[in-house]
Amino acid sequence: MQAYCMKCRTKREMRDAKSVTMKNGRPATKGVCPVCGTKMFRIGKS
C-alpha cells in the first residue's frame, strides 16, 4: 500500500504495513518508509 512520506515528500510503498483502528473507530494503516525509515500513516480501509 502506498502512503505519503513526510520526510521524503513523496508517495512510497509502505514497509511492514499493519491494519489498525483509530480511537474514533475508523480504519487506518501504519508502516515504515523503505528509504528513510520514518513512520508512515494512512487513514482509510487497507
Protein backbone atom coordinates (compact mmCIF):
# COMPACT_ATOMS: atom_id res chain seq x y z
CA MET A 1 0.00 0.00 0.00
CA GLN A 2 1.24 3.47 -0.82
CA ALA A 3 1.35 6.37 1.63
CA TYR A 4 2.90 9.84 1.72
CA CYS A 5 6.26 10.14 3.48
CA MET A 6 6.53 13.49 5.25
CA LYS A 7 10.33 13.38 5.32
CA CYS A 8 10.91 12.37 1.66
CA ARG A 9 7.87 14.37 0.48
CA THR A 10 6.83 11.66 -1.98
CA LYS A 11 4.41 8.75 -2.13
CA ARG A 12 6.11 5.45 -1.43
CA GLU A 13 5.19 1.82 -0.88
CA MET A 14 4.87 1.15 2.87
CA ARG A 15 7.08 -1.48 4.50
CA ASP A 16 5.72 -3.56 7.42
CA ALA A 17 2.18 -2.29 6.80
CA LYS A 18 -0.30 -3.17 9.57
CA SER A 19 -4.03 -2.50 9.73
CA VAL A 20 -5.06 -0.57 12.84
CA THR A 21 -8.21 1.04 14.18
CA MET A 22 -8.08 4.62 15.41
CA LYS A 23 -9.72 5.77 18.66
CA ASN A 24 -12.79 7.01 16.78
CA GLY A 25 -13.25 3.57 15.15
CA ARG A 26 -12.04 4.43 11.64
CA PRO A 27 -9.64 2.02 9.92
CA ALA A 28 -6.07 3.06 9.12
CA THR A 29 -2.71 1.59 8.09
CA LYS A 30 0.65 2.07 9.79
CA GLY A 31 4.02 1.35 8.21
CA VAL A 32 7.60 2.48 7.67
CA CYS A 33 9.21 4.31 4.75
CA PRO A 34 11.63 1.93 2.99
CA VAL A 35 14.06 4.77 2.13
CA CYS A 36 14.38 6.92 5.27
CA GLY A 37 12.76 4.72 7.95
CA THR A 38 10.19 7.34 9.03
CA LYS A 39 6.82 6.14 10.30
CA MET A 40 4.02 6.39 7.73
CA PHE A 41 0.28 6.53 8.38
CA ARG A 42 -2.67 6.32 6.02
CA ILE A 43 -6.30 6.76 7.01
CA GLY A 44 -8.84 4.56 5.26
CA LYS A 45 -9.52 0.93 4.51
CA SER A 46 -6.38 -1.05 3.68
